[in-house]
């Protein structure tokens, strides 16, 4: 990035120090702006950004809302133990509104539109991440070895073949694999080969620790002049009819020229007081991180166990297991049953990690009804900007989304089309 807009540099306050907020701070600082980041935690990436899959997967950027899903959702509700998404509480008004918008996006036309938007951001983000890695030398237990979806039944394999044209249409390189081909890439699966019938490899997918990346990038941003106000609670925004005047915090009122909201699932709570209804609802995801104990029975990169809806990712000397998701508000209560499922999947497939020493997390992913992030200005406020709603793909979309909103705040034309990513797409036609 150049400092071409230094003459128009502004003071920007970013609310949130997760991977979205910190990447935004980095790009804004590189464009010459005076940036302050506020977060209630003692360091960056202390909430959802510390709990994800560790996967950077533009090839998985497809909307949850799709044709035929309403009927499938009924089956999931009737058989929650086999479902990748469960309803954990009686719907509240916010959930009902979100579900209504979600169902409206289950048409073929909406699916195609949303998939195109998601791929645009995810592919651009991968490009930005690769450039950032090259420019700065940042490391984060990163690997560029692809992802393999593992099929235990021929039915799963056939279902994947039927949907493969969607990958081709999106330009996503993919290869169906025999069990022998799988073992060439993941020899740690050798003892579990009898459980498998084949796989699907997405060669361009990457992995890495989002929390390690975010904290290292935060230190680099701080060295470049970004201020981080940790242990600071955000209480609200004071506004006139068309501008934000200041942010109220536990450290007092702080003002800037522009404000960027990157609070993930908590973004709607802050905007509600400004009469802005943000269609973001939290979906709770589960993960375990365990020490690697046996290289010969461990993943080299990433696999997805389709049967158990579990992702298994190598992150340095640790292994990250990520499970299904719950739609149930802001509770962070863990699920012993889901932990058992994740442990079972890992034990059956690999086993080269110490489950007794596993650390469990739950995180709230900010999901939109169309699975596309909300990036852009928050009308009617001319100096309030949004970068939220990335769902389970926050790590995948972080760099690209941050670059887009940083260009917008700077008055620059983003490198990808971005007008249809703003909150305005939810306004009635």
Protein backbone atom coordinates (compact mmCIF):
# COMPACT_ATOMS: atom_id res chain seq x y z
CA UNK A 1 0.00 0.00 0.00
CA UNK A 2 1.12 3.51 -0.64
CA UNK A 3 0.40 6.63 1.37
CA UNK A 4 -1.21 8.36 -1.57
CA UNK A 5 -4.07 9.60 0.59
CA UNK A 6 -1.88 11.06 3.38
CA UNK A 7 -3.04 14.58 2.51
CA UNK A 8 -6.57 13.40 3.31
CA UNK A 9 -5.59 11.41 6.41
CA UNK A 10 -8.28 11.21 9.07
CA UNK A 11 -8.57 10.02 12.62
CA UNK A 12 -10.33 6.65 12.80
CA UNK A 13 -11.58 4.76 15.84
CA UNK A 14 -12.10 1.03 15.36
CA UNK A 15 -14.42 -0.78 17.75
CA UNK A 16 -13.16 -4.34 18.22
CA UNK A 17 -9.70 -5.97 18.20
CA UNK A 18 -10.53 -9.31 16.64
CA UNK A 19 -9.09 -10.39 13.32
CA UNK A 20 -11.50 -8.07 11.46
CA UNK A 21 -10.69 -5.00 13.55
CA UNK A 22 -6.93 -5.53 13.59
CA UNK A 23 -6.62 -6.17 9.84
CA UNK A 24 -8.68 -3.02 9.27
CA UNK A 25 -6.37 -1.09 11.57
CA UNK A 26 -3.34 -2.34 9.66
CA UNK A 27 -4.60 -1.30 6.24
CA UNK A 28 -5.89 2.06 7.48
CA UNK A 29 -2.54 2.82 9.11
CA UNK A 30 -0.75 1.89 5.90
CA UNK A 31 -2.90 4.45 4.12
CA UNK A 32 -1.63 7.13 6.48
CA UNK A 33 -4.54 7.43 8.91
CA UNK A 34 -4.42 8.06 12.66
CA UNK A 35 -5.96 4.86 14.05
CA UNK A 36 -7.13 3.85 17.53
CA UNK A 37 -8.55 0.40 18.33
CA UNK A 38 -10.77 -0.17 21.38
CA UNK A 39 -11.50 -3.56 22.93
CA UNK A 40 -12.78 -4.82 26.27
CA UNK A 41 -10.24 -7.66 26.41
CA UNK A 42 -6.61 -7.41 27.61
CA UNK A 43 -5.21 -8.29 24.17
CA UNK A 44 -6.24 -8.76 20.56
CA UNK A 45 -8.09 -11.85 19.32
CA UNK A 46 -9.38 -12.86 22.75
CA UNK A 47 -12.91 -13.85 21.76
CA UNK A 48 -14.23 -15.44 18.55
CA UNK A 49 -10.93 -14.91 16.70
CA UNK A 50 -9.28 -17.32 19.13
CA UNK A 51 -11.76 -20.14 18.60
CA UNK A 52 -12.11 -20.75 14.89
CA UNK A 53 -11.24 -23.65 12.64
CA UNK A 54 -7.86 -22.24 11.64
CA UNK A 55 -8.92 -22.63 8.01
CA UNK A 56 -8.64 -20.07 5.21
CA UNK A 57 -11.04 -21.59 2.72
CA UNK A 58 -12.41 -19.49 -0.16
CA UNK A 59 -13.47 -22.78 -1.76
CA UNK A 60 -15.96 -23.21 1.08
CA UNK A 61 -17.53 -19.77 0.64
CA UNK A 62 -21.06 -20.86 -0.20
CA UNK A 63 -24.25 -19.54 1.43
CA UNK A 64 -26.04 -21.61 4.04
CA UNK A 65 -29.37 -20.42 2.63
CA UNK A 66 -30.01 -22.45 -0.50
CA UNK A 67 -32.87 -24.06 -2.44
CA UNK A 68 -34.29 -27.05 -0.61
CA UNK A 69 -32.89 -26.03 2.77
CA UNK A 70 -36.24 -25.33 4.51
CA UNK A 71 -37.25 -28.97 4.06
CA UNK A 72 -33.83 -30.17 5.13
CA UNK A 73 -34.02 -27.93 8.20
CA UNK A 74 -37.14 -29.79 9.32
CA UNK A 75 -35.19 -33.06 9.14
CA UNK A 76 -32.39 -31.48 11.16
CA UNK A 77 -34.82 -30.40 13.86
CA UNK A 78 -36.25 -33.92 13.99
CA UNK A 79 -32.75 -35.45 14.18
CA UNK A 80 -30.53 -32.85 15.90
CA UNK A 81 -27.75 -35.33 16.69
CA UNK A 82 -26.97 -35.59 12.96
CA UNK A 83 -27.38 -31.91 12.19
CA UNK A 84 -24.57 -29.43 11.45
CA UNK A 85 -26.80 -26.68 12.86
CA UNK A 86 -29.10 -26.88 15.87
CA UNK A 87 -31.65 -24.62 17.51
CA UNK A 88 -30.69 -24.32 21.18
CA UNK A 89 -33.42 -22.01 22.48
CA UNK A 90 -36.92 -20.86 21.73
CA UNK A 91 -36.61 -18.15 19.05
CA UNK A 92 -36.46 -14.57 20.31
CA UNK A 93 -37.67 -11.65 18.13
CA UNK A 94 -34.18 -11.01 16.72
CA UNK A 95 -33.78 -14.68 15.80
CA UNK A 96 -37.22 -14.79 14.19
CA UNK A 97 -36.42 -11.74 12.04
CA UNK A 98 -33.10 -13.30 11.07
CA UNK A 99 -34.72 -16.63 10.22
CA UNK A 100 -37.33 -14.87 8.09
CA UNK A 101 -34.64 -13.11 6.06
CA UNK A 102 -32.68 -16.36 5.90
CA UNK A 103 -35.63 -18.22 4.39
CA UNK A 104 -36.08 -15.42 1.84
CA UNK A 105 -32.54 -16.19 0.64
CA UNK A 106 -33.28 -19.84 -0.07
CA UNK A 107 -34.25 -19.25 -3.69
CA UNK A 108 -32.02 -20.23 -6.60
CA UNK A 109 -31.62 -16.60 -7.65
CA UNK A 110 -30.60 -15.45 -4.16
CA UNK A 111 -28.21 -18.38 -3.77
CA UNK A 112 -26.38 -17.54 -6.99
CA UNK A 113 -26.15 -13.86 -6.08
CA UNK A 114 -24.92 -14.52 -2.54
CA UNK A 115 -22.41 -17.15 -3.63
CA UNK A 116 -20.91 -14.71 -6.14
CA UNK A 117 -20.56 -12.03 -3.47
CA UNK A 118 -18.96 -14.42 -1.00
CA UNK A 119 -16.46 -15.79 -3.53
CA UNK A 120 -15.55 -12.27 -4.59
CA UNK A 121 -14.60 -11.28 -1.03
CA UNK A 122 -12.99 -14.61 -0.13
CA UNK A 123 -10.80 -14.82 -3.24
CA UNK A 124 -9.74 -11.19 -2.87
CA UNK A 125 -8.96 -11.83 0.77
CA UNK A 126 -6.69 -14.75 -0.07
CA UNK A 127 -4.85 -12.49 -2.52
CA UNK A 128 -4.49 -9.80 0.18
CA UNK A 129 -3.27 -12.30 2.76
CA UNK A 130 -0.64 -13.69 0.38
CA UNK A 131 0.54 -10.15 -0.37
CA UNK A 132 0.64 -9.26 3.33
CA UNK A 133 2.67 -12.37 4.10
CA UNK A 134 5.13 -11.49 1.36
CA UNK A 135 5.41 -7.82 2.31
CA UNK A 136 5.80 -8.28 6.07
CA UNK A 137 7.12 -11.80 6.56
CA UNK A 138 4.39 -12.48 9.12
CA UNK A 139 4.04 -16.12 10.18
CA UNK A 140 1.18 -17.73 12.09
CA UNK A 141 1.66 -21.52 11.92
CA UNK A 142 0.51 -21.12 8.34
CA UNK A 143 0.42 -23.85 5.72
CA UNK A 144 -0.65 -23.81 2.08
CA UNK A 145 -1.37 -27.52 1.62
CA UNK A 146 -5.06 -27.60 0.76
CA UNK A 147 -8.08 -29.23 2.37
CA UNK A 148 -9.52 -32.72 1.92
CA UNK A 149 -13.16 -33.59 2.58
CA UNK A 150 -13.34 -37.19 3.73
CA UNK A 151 -16.27 -39.38 2.69
CA UNK A 152 -17.10 -42.48 4.69
CA UNK A 153 -20.00 -43.56 2.49
CA UNK A 154 -20.62 -43.80 -1.24
CA UNK A 155 -23.76 -41.70 -0.76
CA UNK A 156 -21.63 -38.82 0.54
CA UNK A 157 -19.31 -39.19 -2.43
CA UNK A 158 -22.17 -39.11 -4.90
CA UNK A 159 -23.74 -36.07 -3.23
CA UNK A 160 -20.42 -34.27 -3.58
CA UNK A 161 -20.20 -35.20 -7.25
CA UNK A 162 -23.69 -33.80 -7.86
CA UNK A 163 -22.72 -30.44 -6.34
CA UNK A 164 -19.23 -30.30 -7.89
CA UNK A 165 -20.48 -28.21 -10.87
CA UNK A 166 -20.99 -25.35 -8.40
CA UNK A 167 -17.27 -25.46 -7.64
CA UNK A 168 -16.45 -25.48 -11.34
CA UNK A 169 -18.77 -22.54 -12.04
CA UNK A 170 -17.03 -20.58 -9.28
CA UNK A 171 -13.61 -21.39 -10.69
CA UNK A 172 -12.61 -23.42 -7.62
CA UNK A 173 -9.99 -26.05 -8.37
CA UNK A 174 -11.02 -29.42 -6.96
CA UNK A 175 -10.13 -33.08 -7.38
CA UNK A 176 -11.99 -36.22 -6.37
CA UNK A 177 -9.61 -38.68 -4.76
CA UNK A 178 -9.35 -42.39 -4.06
CA UNK A 179 -8.36 -43.51 -0.60
CA UNK A 180 -4.85 -44.13 -1.92
CA UNK A 181 -4.70 -40.57 -3.21
CA UNK A 182 -5.84 -39.24 0.14
CA UNK A 183 -3.05 -41.08 1.94
CA UNK A 184 -0.45 -39.50 -0.33
CA UNK A 185 -1.43 -36.12 1.09
CA UNK A 186 -2.38 -37.24 4.62
CA UNK A 187 -0.36 -40.35 5.55
CA UNK A 188 -1.53 -40.01 9.15
CA UNK A 189 -4.88 -41.45 8.00
CA UNK A 190 -3.31 -44.81 7.03
CA UNK A 191 -4.73 -46.76 9.97
CA UNK A 192 -8.24 -45.36 9.32
CA UNK A 193 -8.25 -46.11 5.57
CA UNK A 194 -10.90 -48.87 5.96
CA UNK A 195 -13.35 -46.20 7.19
CA UNK A 196 -13.01 -44.14 3.99
CA UNK A 197 -14.37 -44.49 0.46
CA UNK A 198 -12.84 -41.36 -1.05
CA UNK A 199 -12.40 -37.63 -0.76
CA UNK A 200 -12.52 -34.24 -2.42
CA UNK A 201 -9.43 -32.04 -2.35
CA UNK A 202 -9.48 -28.24 -2.58
CA UNK A 203 -5.86 -27.51 -3.40
CA UNK A 204 -5.70 -23.74 -2.80
CA UNK A 205 -7.05 -23.71 0.74
CA UNK A 206 -4.71 -22.58 3.51
CA UNK A 207 -4.54 -22.90 7.27
CA UNK A 208 -3.08 -20.94 10.15
CA UNK A 209 -3.80 -19.62 13.61
CA UNK A 210 -6.10 -16.60 13.39
CA UNK A 211 -5.27 -15.59 16.95
CA UNK A 212 -1.50 -15.77 16.37
CA UNK A 213 -1.87 -13.83 13.12
CA UNK A 214 -4.05 -11.17 14.75
CA UNK A 215 -1.77 -10.63 17.75
CA UNK A 216 1.36 -10.44 15.64
CA UNK A 217 -0.30 -8.07 13.19
CA UNK A 218 -1.52 -5.96 16.13
CA UNK A 219 2.07 -5.60 17.34
CA UNK A 220 3.17 -4.63 13.84
CA UNK A 221 0.34 -2.11 13.61
CA UNK A 222 1.27 -0.69 17.00
CA UNK A 223 4.85 -0.26 15.83
CA UNK A 224 3.45 1.60 12.82
CA UNK A 225 1.60 4.03 15.09
CA UNK A 226 -1.79 2.42 15.80
CA UNK A 227 -2.98 2.88 19.39
CA UNK A 228 -4.70 -0.02 21.16
CA UNK A 229 -6.93 0.70 24.14
CA UNK A 230 -7.41 -2.70 25.77
CA UNK A 231 -9.47 -3.39 28.90
CA UNK A 232 -11.79 -0.63 27.72
CA UNK A 233 -15.54 -1.23 27.62
CA UNK A 234 -17.52 0.32 24.78
CA UNK A 235 -20.74 1.75 26.21
CA UNK A 236 -22.37 3.45 23.25
CA UNK A 237 -22.19 5.95 20.42
CA UNK A 238 -23.36 9.56 20.66
CA UNK A 239 -24.73 10.90 17.39
CA UNK A 240 -26.41 13.83 15.68
CA UNK A 241 -28.91 13.20 12.92
CA UNK A 242 -26.25 12.24 10.37
CA UNK A 243 -22.90 11.91 12.15
CA UNK A 244 -21.34 10.02 15.03
CA UNK A 245 -20.01 12.53 17.57
CA UNK A 246 -18.09 10.23 19.91
CA UNK A 247 -17.88 6.78 21.41
CA UNK A 248 -18.60 6.44 25.12
CA UNK A 249 -16.19 4.08 26.88
CA UNK A 250 -15.06 3.16 30.36
CA UNK A 251 -12.08 5.43 29.65
CA UNK A 252 -14.33 8.38 28.80
CA UNK A 253 -15.65 9.85 25.57
CA UNK A 254 -13.38 9.46 22.55
CA UNK A 255 -13.91 11.25 19.24
CA UNK A 256 -12.64 10.80 15.70
CA UNK A 257 -13.42 11.73 12.12
CA UNK A 258 -14.64 8.22 11.28
CA UNK A 259 -15.75 5.19 13.28
CA UNK A 260 -15.49 1.57 12.16
CA UNK A 261 -17.66 -1.04 13.84
CA UNK A 262 -15.96 -4.47 13.94
CA UNK A 263 -17.61 -6.03 16.98
CA UNK A 264 -18.75 -9.24 15.32
CA UNK A 265 -21.89 -10.68 16.89
CA UNK A 266 -22.15 -7.75 19.30
CA UNK A 267 -22.41 -5.16 16.52
CA UNK A 268 -26.27 -5.14 16.42
CA UNK A 269 -26.48 -4.35 20.13
CA UNK A 270 -24.56 -1.10 19.68
CA UNK A 271 -26.44 -0.02 16.56
CA UNK A 272 -29.89 -0.72 17.95
CA UNK A 273 -29.69 2.45 20.04
CA UNK A 274 -29.08 4.39 16.82
CA UNK A 275 -32.23 2.89 15.27
CA UNK A 276 -30.17 0.80 12.86
CA UNK A 277 -31.34 -2.78 12.57
CA UNK A 278 -28.33 -4.89 11.64
CA UNK A 279 -29.31 -8.38 10.38
CA UNK A 280 -26.52 -10.18 12.20
CA UNK A 281 -27.22 -13.02 14.63
CA UNK A 282 -24.71 -15.10 16.62
CA UNK A 283 -24.14 -18.74 15.73
CA UNK A 284 -22.13 -20.60 18.34
CA UNK A 285 -19.29 -22.80 17.15
CA UNK A 286 -17.25 -25.26 19.19
CA UNK A 287 -13.57 -26.12 19.04
CA UNK A 288 -10.89 -28.11 20.85
CA UNK A 289 -7.15 -27.52 20.71
CA UNK A 290 -4.89 -30.40 21.72
CA UNK A 291 -1.14 -30.96 21.77
CA UNK A 292 0.29 -33.06 18.96
CA UNK A 293 1.90 -36.23 20.32
CA UNK A 294 2.55 -38.47 17.30
CA UNK A 295 3.49 -37.07 13.87
CA UNK A 296 2.68 -40.37 12.18
CA UNK A 297 -0.95 -40.19 13.34
CA UNK A 298 -1.58 -36.49 12.82
CA UNK A 299 -2.80 -34.30 9.96
CA UNK A 300 -0.31 -32.43 7.81
CA UNK A 301 -2.88 -29.80 6.90
CA UNK A 302 -6.70 -29.86 6.99
CA UNK A 303 -9.41 -32.49 6.67
CA UNK A 304 -13.17 -32.40 7.10
CA UNK A 305 -14.97 -35.44 8.44
CA UNK A 306 -18.27 -35.13 6.59
CA UNK A 307 -19.96 -37.84 8.66
CA UNK A 308 -19.45 -36.08 11.99
CA UNK A 309 -19.36 -32.47 10.69
CA UNK A 310 -15.90 -32.04 12.24
CA UNK A 311 -12.91 -30.13 10.84
CA UNK A 312 -9.40 -31.17 11.86
CA UNK A 313 -6.57 -28.69 11.29
CA UNK A 314 -2.84 -28.79 12.00
CA UNK A 315 -1.65 -25.59 13.71
CA UNK A 316 2.03 -25.90 14.53
CA UNK A 317 2.45 -28.37 17.38
CA UNK A 318 -1.27 -28.36 18.08
CA UNK A 319 -4.36 -29.77 16.39
CA UNK A 320 -7.62 -27.83 16.17
CA UNK A 321 -10.92 -29.71 16.14
CA UNK A 322 -14.00 -27.71 15.18
CA UNK A 323 -17.56 -28.96 15.42
CA UNK A 324 -21.13 -28.13 14.59
CA UNK A 325 -22.91 -24.88 15.31
CA UNK A 326 -25.86 -23.77 17.45
CA UNK A 327 -28.38 -21.02 16.83
CA UNK A 328 -29.20 -19.93 20.35
CA UNK A 329 -28.35 -16.39 21.35
CA UNK A 330 -25.31 -15.10 23.18
CA UNK A 331 -24.68 -17.90 25.65
CA UNK A 332 -21.17 -19.42 25.58
CA UNK A 333 -22.17 -22.60 27.37
CA UNK A 334 -20.28 -25.59 25.99
CA UNK A 335 -21.79 -28.87 24.77
CA UNK A 336 -20.38 -32.09 26.28
CA UNK A 337 -22.08 -34.12 23.55
CA UNK A 338 -20.40 -32.16 20.78
CA UNK A 339 -17.05 -32.48 22.49
CA UNK A 340 -17.56 -36.24 22.50
CA UNK A 341 -18.34 -36.16 18.75
CA UNK A 342 -15.19 -34.16 17.99
CA UNK A 343 -13.06 -36.47 20.10
CA UNK A 344 -14.58 -39.52 18.42
CA UNK A 345 -13.91 -38.16 14.94
CA UNK A 346 -10.28 -37.41 15.74
CA UNK A 347 -9.69 -40.72 17.48
CA UNK A 348 -11.14 -42.69 14.57
CA UNK A 349 -9.22 -40.79 11.89
CA UNK A 350 -5.89 -39.84 13.46
CA UNK A 351 -5.37 -40.22 17.19
CA UNK A 352 -1.98 -38.53 17.33
CA UNK A 353 -2.91 -35.92 19.91
CA UNK A 354 -3.49 -35.73 23.65
CA UNK A 355 -7.24 -35.39 24.14
CA UNK A 356 -6.80 -35.38 27.92
CA UNK A 357 -4.93 -32.07 27.57
CA UNK A 358 -7.39 -30.53 25.11
CA UNK A 359 -8.60 -26.99 25.69
CA UNK A 360 -12.17 -26.27 24.67
CA UNK A 361 -13.66 -23.01 23.40
CA UNK A 362 -16.95 -21.68 22.20
CA UNK A 363 -17.21 -18.63 19.99
CA UNK A 364 -20.03 -16.56 18.52
CA UNK A 365 -19.82 -16.17 14.76
CA UNK A 366 -21.66 -13.09 13.42
CA UNK A 367 -23.89 -14.46 10.66
CA UNK A 368 -26.00 -12.62 8.12
CA UNK A 369 -29.08 -14.20 6.52
CA UNK A 370 -27.33 -14.26 3.13
CA UNK A 371 -23.94 -15.40 4.55
CA UNK A 372 -22.27 -12.33 3.01
CA UNK A 373 -20.45 -9.85 5.26
CA UNK A 374 -21.73 -6.30 5.68
CA UNK A 375 -19.00 -3.91 4.57
CA UNK A 376 -19.47 -0.19 3.99
CA UNK A 377 -21.08 2.97 5.30
CA UNK A 378 -23.91 2.75 7.83
CA UNK A 379 -26.44 5.27 6.56
CA UNK A 380 -27.67 7.76 7.60
CA UNK A 381 -24.40 8.39 9.44
CA UNK A 382 -21.78 9.68 7.04
CA UNK A 383 -18.82 8.77 9.27
CA UNK A 384 -19.91 5.35 10.58
CA UNK A 385 -18.61 2.27 8.78
CA UNK A 386 -19.31 -1.43 9.19
CA UNK A 387 -17.12 -4.51 8.80
CA UNK A 388 -19.04 -7.39 10.34
CA UNK A 389 -21.25 -10.40 9.57
CA UNK A 390 -18.55 -12.70 8.17
CA UNK A 391 -20.07 -15.77 9.82
CA UNK A 392 -17.83 -18.83 10.03
CA UNK A 393 -15.55 -17.32 7.38
CA UNK A 394 -14.16 -14.37 9.33
CA UNK A 395 -10.60 -15.65 9.07
CA UNK A 396 -11.09 -16.46 5.39
CA UNK A 397 -12.46 -13.00 4.54
CA UNK A 398 -10.58 -10.81 7.03
CA UNK A 399 -7.84 -9.28 4.90
CA UNK A 400 -10.03 -8.66 1.87
CA UNK A 401 -12.88 -7.15 3.85
CA UNK A 402 -10.45 -4.94 5.78
CA UNK A 403 -8.80 -3.73 2.59
CA UNK A 404 -12.18 -2.87 1.03
CA UNK A 405 -13.45 -0.85 3.99
CA UNK A 406 -10.09 0.88 4.44
CA UNK A 407 -10.21 2.03 0.82
CA UNK A 408 -13.79 3.21 1.27
CA UNK A 409 -12.95 5.23 4.39
CA UNK A 410 -9.99 6.72 2.51
CA UNK A 411 -12.16 7.78 -0.42
CA UNK A 412 -10.44 5.29 -2.73
CA UNK A 413 -12.07 2.91 -5.17
CA UNK A 414 -11.82 -0.66 -3.80
CA UNK A 415 -10.15 -3.18 -6.08
CA UNK A 416 -13.30 -5.32 -6.15
CA UNK A 417 -16.97 -4.27 -6.53
CA UNK A 418 -18.25 -3.43 -3.06
CA UNK A 419 -21.47 -1.43 -3.30
CA UNK A 420 -23.57 -4.60 -2.96
CA UNK A 421 -21.79 -5.53 0.27
CA UNK A 422 -23.23 -2.68 2.31
CA UNK A 423 -26.15 -2.72 4.70
CA UNK A 424 -28.30 -1.02 2.04
CA UNK A 425 -28.91 -4.39 0.35
CA UNK A 426 -31.36 -5.18 3.15
CA UNK A 427 -33.53 -2.16 2.46
CA UNK A 428 -36.90 -2.88 0.86
CA UNK A 429 -36.78 -2.41 -2.91
